[in-house]
Amino acid sequence: MSKILELREKRAKAWDAAKAFLDGKRGGDGLLNAEDTAAYEKMETEVVALGKEIDRLERQAAIDADLAKPTSSPITNMLHLPYTVVLHQNNSKTFLHVSLNHNLSCQMIVGPI
């Protein structure tokens, strides 16, 4: 189970416990005494902290996904363009020359053949 789902479940359980605590501790006038107020506020603080951690993890996952995207298109997308491949030899070196649409070309030494 992912950490985010784990924390969401933990937060939901903590919130249910806090609500149940409130319902059980309210006096006849609908108010909490000072001790119960402090205990409830501690539970509420935990629920809020869990929510902030969930938000952080979700932002981190979104940034990771964004940074994992490719920054450019692969050159294989250009295969529909006319291209030529020439293999030639010069002074005992063999060259491979690839030209795409006469605008983009590369040449490399491939060694003796």
Foldseek 3Di string as FASTA:
>chain_A
DDPLVVLVVVLVVLVVVLVVLLVVQQDPVSDHDPVSVVVSVVSVVSSVVSVVVSVVVVVVVVVVVVVPDDPDDDPVVLVVFDKDWDWDDDPQWIKIKIQGNNPDIDMDTDGHD
